[in-house]
Amino acid sequence: MVERLLIMRHGEAAPGRPDAERELTPRGEEEAQRMGRWLAAREDLDLSRLRLLASPYVRARQTAERIAEPLGLAVEPLPIITPDDPPESVLEWLLGEVEDRPLMLVSHMPLVGMLSGLLVEGRADRGPGFPTGAVAELDADVFAAGCARLARFTAPTDLN
């Protein structure tokens, strides 16, 4: 079972097409680096055991790489967390996870909001709005619809 679930929206991305190839802006790079440093400085989470997964879209992978650097982690691709994937598919995947370690998903709106809403409120339309680079931290005995608790929500602008 997953110890703690961290759900992150990628940093600010430049406009363009195709959507999957959009890259981080300089501001998005800074947001991701700021969040990576913040996570690395935390002592309340055992992030040496963190499993870090990212959407295959360029901006999410770039964000995850900035998170991974200060933590000394590798980034794993997870193809079911693109912007238009249904949160129910991610929930099903989470229920199948058996590793007892923290897990971080770096993805996109609207999926990050819908997934958070589904896990905490039991409804995908009840999720929080995620500014770019924001991280929602959820706790649960089982990561199923309506069974999680939002432990913390942090955006890059919340940090000094």
Protein backbone atom coordinates (compact mmCIF):
# COMPACT_ATOMS: atom_id res chain seq x y z
CA MET A 1 0.00 0.00 0.00
CA VAL A 2 1.17 3.52 -0.79
CA GLU A 3 2.28 5.40 2.36
CA ARG A 4 1.53 8.90 1.16
CA LEU A 5 0.42 10.08 -2.24
CA LEU A 6 1.74 13.33 -3.64
CA ILE A 7 -0.06 14.69 -6.70
CA MET A 8 1.73 17.48 -8.56
CA ARG A 9 0.80 19.67 -11.49
CA HIS A 10 3.69 20.40 -13.84
CA GLY A 11 5.34 23.82 -13.88
CA GLU A 12 4.20 26.59 -16.19
CA ALA A 13 4.40 25.53 -19.84
CA ALA A 14 4.74 27.48 -23.04
CA PRO A 15 1.86 27.47 -25.52
CA GLY A 16 2.15 25.37 -28.64
CA ARG A 17 1.17 22.30 -30.55
CA PRO A 18 1.21 19.41 -30.32
CA ASP A 19 0.20 19.57 -26.68
CA ALA A 20 2.37 16.60 -25.65
CA GLU A 21 5.52 18.46 -26.76
CA ARG A 22 4.99 21.74 -24.88
CA GLU A 23 8.01 22.62 -22.73
CA LEU A 24 8.40 24.45 -19.44
CA THR A 25 8.88 28.18 -19.53
CA PRO A 26 11.72 29.71 -17.45
CA ARG A 27 9.09 30.39 -14.76
CA GLY A 28 7.97 26.75 -14.96
CA GLU A 29 11.58 25.60 -14.54
CA GLU A 30 11.90 27.78 -11.43
CA GLU A 31 8.60 26.50 -10.00
CA ALA A 32 9.72 22.90 -10.40
CA GLN A 33 13.19 23.57 -8.97
CA ARG A 34 11.69 25.45 -6.01
CA MET A 35 9.35 22.55 -5.24
CA GLY A 36 12.22 20.05 -5.60
CA ARG A 37 14.35 21.99 -3.09
CA TRP A 38 11.39 22.27 -0.72
CA LEU A 39 10.72 18.55 -0.86
CA ALA A 40 14.42 17.72 -0.41
CA ALA A 41 14.57 19.88 2.73
CA ARG A 42 11.60 18.21 4.39
CA GLU A 43 12.29 15.88 7.28
CA ASP A 44 8.71 14.68 7.81
CA LEU A 45 8.73 12.42 4.72
CA ASP A 46 11.11 9.61 3.86
CA LEU A 47 11.67 10.79 0.31
CA SER A 48 14.68 8.52 -0.21
CA ARG A 49 12.05 5.81 -0.80
CA LEU A 50 9.81 7.98 -2.99
CA ARG A 51 8.62 6.47 -6.26
CA LEU A 52 8.38 9.35 -8.75
CA LEU A 53 6.15 8.88 -11.80
CA ALA A 54 5.40 11.37 -14.56
CA SER A 55 3.10 11.77 -17.52
CA PRO A 56 4.89 11.12 -20.81
CA TYR A 57 4.22 14.73 -21.88
CA VAL A 58 7.40 16.83 -22.09
CA ARG A 59 6.43 19.47 -19.50
CA ALA A 60 5.54 16.85 -16.89
CA ARG A 61 8.77 14.92 -17.49
CA GLN A 62 10.80 18.13 -17.23
CA THR A 63 9.05 18.99 -13.95
CA ALA A 64 9.64 15.51 -12.54
CA GLU A 65 13.32 15.70 -13.48
CA ARG A 66 13.66 18.95 -11.48
CA ILE A 67 12.02 17.20 -8.51
CA ALA A 68 14.24 14.12 -8.90
CA GLU A 69 17.56 16.00 -9.02
CA PRO A 70 17.82 17.16 -5.38
CA LEU A 71 16.33 13.87 -4.16
CA GLY A 72 18.66 11.64 -6.20
CA LEU A 73 15.73 9.76 -7.72
CA ALA A 74 14.85 8.35 -11.13
CA VAL A 75 11.67 9.34 -12.96
CA GLU A 76 9.39 6.58 -14.22
CA PRO A 77 6.89 7.22 -17.03
CA LEU A 78 3.23 6.47 -16.35
CA PRO A 79 1.18 6.73 -19.56
CA ILE A 80 -2.22 6.84 -17.80
CA ILE A 81 -1.73 10.31 -16.26
CA THR A 82 -2.01 12.61 -19.28
CA PRO A 83 -4.42 15.59 -19.18
CA ASP A 84 -7.38 13.73 -20.66
CA ASP A 85 -7.05 10.40 -18.88
CA PRO A 86 -9.95 9.46 -16.59
CA PRO A 87 -9.21 9.67 -12.87
CA GLU A 88 -10.96 6.31 -12.37
CA SER A 89 -8.18 4.59 -14.34
CA VAL A 90 -5.56 6.10 -12.06
CA LEU A 91 -7.59 5.07 -9.01
CA GLU A 92 -7.72 1.49 -10.29
CA TRP A 93 -3.95 1.57 -10.84
CA LEU A 94 -3.38 2.95 -7.31
CA LEU A 95 -5.48 0.16 -5.80
CA GLY A 96 -3.15 -2.35 -7.47
CA GLU A 97 0.00 -0.79 -6.03
CA VAL A 98 1.43 -3.03 -3.32
CA GLU A 99 4.68 -1.24 -2.48
CA ASP A 100 4.72 0.34 0.97
CA ARG A 101 6.41 3.61 0.07
CA PRO A 102 5.47 7.17 -0.78
CA LEU A 103 4.38 7.84 -4.34
CA MET A 104 4.42 11.04 -6.39
CA LEU A 105 2.52 11.58 -9.63
CA VAL A 106 3.50 14.55 -11.83
CA SER A 107 0.65 15.26 -14.19
CA HIS A 108 -1.70 17.91 -15.57
CA MET A 109 -4.96 19.73 -15.07
CA PRO A 110 -7.69 18.68 -15.22
CA LEU A 111 -6.52 15.20 -14.13
CA VAL A 112 -4.74 16.30 -10.94
CA GLY A 113 -7.82 18.17 -9.70
CA MET A 114 -10.23 15.42 -10.70
CA LEU A 115 -8.09 12.69 -9.12
CA SER A 116 -7.70 14.64 -5.87
CA GLY A 117 -11.44 15.28 -5.75
CA LEU A 118 -12.26 11.65 -6.42
CA LEU A 119 -9.88 10.42 -3.72
CA VAL A 120 -10.91 12.94 -1.03
CA GLU A 121 -14.52 13.81 -1.79
CA GLY A 122 -15.56 10.75 -3.78
CA ARG A 123 -16.39 13.01 -6.74
CA ALA A 124 -14.07 14.07 -9.55
CA ASP A 125 -15.85 17.43 -9.88
CA ARG A 126 -14.91 18.42 -6.30
CA GLY A 127 -11.14 18.64 -6.67
CA PRO A 128 -9.05 21.71 -5.91
CA GLY A 129 -7.75 24.06 -8.55
CA PHE A 130 -4.05 23.42 -8.95
CA PRO A 131 -1.76 26.33 -9.78
CA THR A 132 1.26 25.27 -11.82
CA GLY A 133 3.84 23.47 -9.70
CA ALA A 134 1.41 22.80 -6.82
CA VAL A 135 1.51 19.59 -4.78
CA ALA A 136 -1.40 17.95 -2.94
CA GLU A 137 -0.41 15.42 -0.27
CA LEU A 138 -2.97 12.76 0.54
CA ASP A 139 -3.12 10.12 3.25
CA ALA A 140 -5.41 7.09 3.32
CA ASP A 141 -5.62 3.52 4.54
CA VAL A 142 -6.67 2.67 0.99
CA PHE A 143 -6.55 5.01 -2.00
CA ALA A 144 -10.13 4.54 -3.14
CA ALA A 145 -12.88 7.04 -3.95
CA GLY A 146 -13.71 9.18 -0.92
CA CYS A 147 -11.21 7.44 1.35
CA ALA A 148 -8.31 9.91 1.38
CA ARG A 149 -7.56 12.97 3.49
CA LEU A 150 -5.87 16.06 2.12
CA ALA A 151 -2.91 16.43 4.48
CA ARG A 152 -1.25 19.40 2.80
CA PHE A 153 -1.50 21.57 -0.32
CA THR A 154 1.51 23.63 -1.34
CA ALA A 155 2.13 25.86 -4.35
CA PRO A 156 5.48 27.40 -5.36
CA THR A 157 4.15 30.83 -4.37
CA ASP A 158 3.67 29.54 -0.79
CA LEU A 159 7.43 29.10 -0.43
CA ASN A 160 10.01 31.81 0.23
